[in-house]
Amino acid sequence: MSSILDLSGLACPAPLVKSRKAMDKMRKGETLEIVVSDEDSKVNIALAARELGMDIERIRNEDGKWYVIVTKKLG
């Protein structure tokens, strides 16, 4: 299952806190797309995902927003 968490427009640390809570609740194999509007949030979320052992599938910038797609590892 995959879901989208749109946190665009929020200032740090809110995007990091909210995305971290969402990643903590993910099941193995689940994918989450996190949308943020500033680069600092993108960097912090990617670091948090790595700390949690997530696979970072893709990070892209489109129309002034950052899209961070993570998957919780199966093993």
C-alpha atoms as a PDB file:
ATOM      1  CA  MET A   1       0.000   0.000   0.000  1.00  0.00           C
ATOM      2  CA  SER A   2       1.194   3.521  -0.651  1.00  0.00           C
ATOM      3  CA  SER A   3       0.057   6.884   0.628  1.00  0.00           C
ATOM      4  CA  ILE A   4       0.818  10.575   0.220  1.00  0.00           C
ATOM      5  CA  LEU A   5       1.608  12.985   3.035  1.00  0.00           C
ATOM      6  CA  ASP A   6       1.409  16.570   1.761  1.00  0.00           C
ATOM      7  CA  LEU A   7       3.264  18.862   4.153  1.00  0.00           C
ATOM      8  CA  SER A   8       3.949  21.629   1.663  1.00  0.00           C
ATOM      9  CA  GLY A   9       3.698  25.100   3.122  1.00  0.00           C
ATOM     10  CA  LEU A  10       4.662  23.992   6.626  1.00  0.00           C
ATOM     11  CA  ALA A  11       7.816  25.354   8.263  1.00  0.00           C
ATOM     12  CA  CYS A  12      10.435  23.250  10.028  1.00  0.00           C
ATOM     13  CA  PRO A  13      10.286  21.358  12.267  1.00  0.00           C
ATOM     14  CA  ALA A  14       6.628  20.457  11.535  1.00  0.00           C
ATOM     15  CA  PRO A  15       7.299  18.507   8.289  1.00  0.00           C
ATOM     16  CA  LEU A  16      10.022  16.449   9.966  1.00  0.00           C
ATOM     17  CA  VAL A  17       7.917  15.690  13.053  1.00  0.00           C
ATOM     18  CA  LYS A  18       4.822  14.744  11.041  1.00  0.00           C
ATOM     19  CA  SER A  19       6.727  12.644   8.508  1.00  0.00           C
ATOM     20  CA  ARG A  20       8.667  10.863  11.258  1.00  0.00           C
ATOM     21  CA  LYS A  21       5.375   9.915  12.966  1.00  0.00           C
ATOM     22  CA  ALA A  22       4.003   8.631   9.660  1.00  0.00           C
ATOM     23  CA  MET A  23       7.166   6.603   8.955  1.00  0.00           C
ATOM     24  CA  ASP A  24       7.035   5.091  12.448  1.00  0.00           C
ATOM     25  CA  LYS A  25       3.524   3.774  11.691  1.00  0.00           C
ATOM     26  CA  MET A  26       4.408   2.217   8.328  1.00  0.00           C
ATOM     27  CA  ARG A  27       4.221  -1.529   7.785  1.00  0.00           C
ATOM     28  CA  LYS A  28       6.923  -3.515   6.022  1.00  0.00           C
ATOM     29  CA  GLY A  29       6.781  -3.029   2.262  1.00  0.00           C
ATOM     30  CA  GLU A  30       4.603   0.076   2.534  1.00  0.00           C
ATOM     31  CA  THR A  31       5.510   3.183   0.509  1.00  0.00           C
ATOM     32  CA  LEU A  32       5.006   6.793   1.548  1.00  0.00           C
ATOM     33  CA  GLU A  33       5.340   9.872  -0.655  1.00  0.00           C
ATOM     34  CA  ILE A  34       6.137  12.966   1.421  1.00  0.00           C
ATOM     35  CA  VAL A  35       5.641  16.378  -0.190  1.00  0.00           C
ATOM     36  CA  VAL A  36       7.415  19.430   1.269  1.00  0.00           C
ATOM     37  CA  SER A  37       8.056  22.941   0.026  1.00  0.00           C
ATOM     38  CA  ASP A  38      11.535  23.670   1.326  1.00  0.00           C
ATOM     39  CA  GLU A  39      14.864  22.005   0.770  1.00  0.00           C
ATOM     40  CA  ASP A  40      15.803  21.857   4.479  1.00  0.00           C
ATOM     41  CA  SER A  41      12.727  19.729   5.180  1.00  0.00           C
ATOM     42  CA  LYS A  42      13.638  17.451   2.276  1.00  0.00           C
ATOM     43  CA  VAL A  43      17.149  16.933   3.640  1.00  0.00           C
ATOM     44  CA  ASN A  44      15.957  16.327   7.210  1.00  0.00           C
ATOM     45  CA  ILE A  45      13.252  13.870   6.135  1.00  0.00           C
ATOM     46  CA  ALA A  46      15.727  11.915   3.990  1.00  0.00           C
ATOM     47  CA  LEU A  47      18.127  11.699   6.949  1.00  0.00           C
ATOM     48  CA  ALA A  48      15.333  10.534   9.267  1.00  0.00           C
ATOM     49  CA  ALA A  49      14.262   7.904   6.735  1.00  0.00           C
ATOM     50  CA  ARG A  50      17.816   6.549   6.559  1.00  0.00           C
ATOM     51  CA  GLU A  51      18.041   6.475  10.366  1.00  0.00           C
ATOM     52  CA  LEU A  52      14.836   4.419  10.436  1.00  0.00           C
ATOM     53  CA  GLY A  53      16.258   1.979   7.886  1.00  0.00           C
ATOM     54  CA  MET A  54      13.911   3.017   5.079  1.00  0.00           C
ATOM     55  CA  ASP A  55      14.700   2.689   1.404  1.00  0.00           C
ATOM     56  CA  ILE A  56      14.618   6.082  -0.304  1.00  0.00           C
ATOM     57  CA  GLU A  57      13.086   5.251  -3.655  1.00  0.00           C
ATOM     58  CA  ARG A  58      13.227   8.715  -5.164  1.00  0.00           C
ATOM     59  CA  ILE A  59      13.668  12.401  -4.387  1.00  0.00           C
ATOM     60  CA  ARG A  60      12.556  14.923  -6.979  1.00  0.00           C
ATOM     61  CA  ASN A  61      11.835  18.636  -7.263  1.00  0.00           C
ATOM     62  CA  GLU A  62       8.799  19.594  -9.271  1.00  0.00           C
ATOM     63  CA  ASP A  63       6.924  22.905  -9.412  1.00  0.00           C
ATOM     64  CA  GLY A  64       8.718  24.256  -6.338  1.00  0.00           C
ATOM     65  CA  LYS A  65       7.939  21.227  -4.182  1.00  0.00           C
ATOM     66  CA  TRP A  66      10.124  18.330  -3.063  1.00  0.00           C
ATOM     67  CA  TYR A  67       8.788  14.780  -3.299  1.00  0.00           C
ATOM     68  CA  VAL A  68      10.485  12.194  -1.077  1.00  0.00           C
ATOM     69  CA  ILE A  69       9.335   8.605  -1.670  1.00  0.00           C
ATOM     70  CA  VAL A  70      10.310   6.060   0.982  1.00  0.00           C
ATOM     71  CA  THR A  71       9.579   2.371   1.490  1.00  0.00           C
ATOM     72  CA  LYS A  72       9.835   0.443   4.726  1.00  0.00           C
ATOM     73  CA  LYS A  73      12.180  -2.496   4.173  1.00  0.00           C
ATOM     74  CA  LEU A  74      10.770  -6.012   4.253  1.00  0.00           C
ATOM     75  CA  GLY A  75      13.576  -7.472   6.325  1.00  0.00           C
END
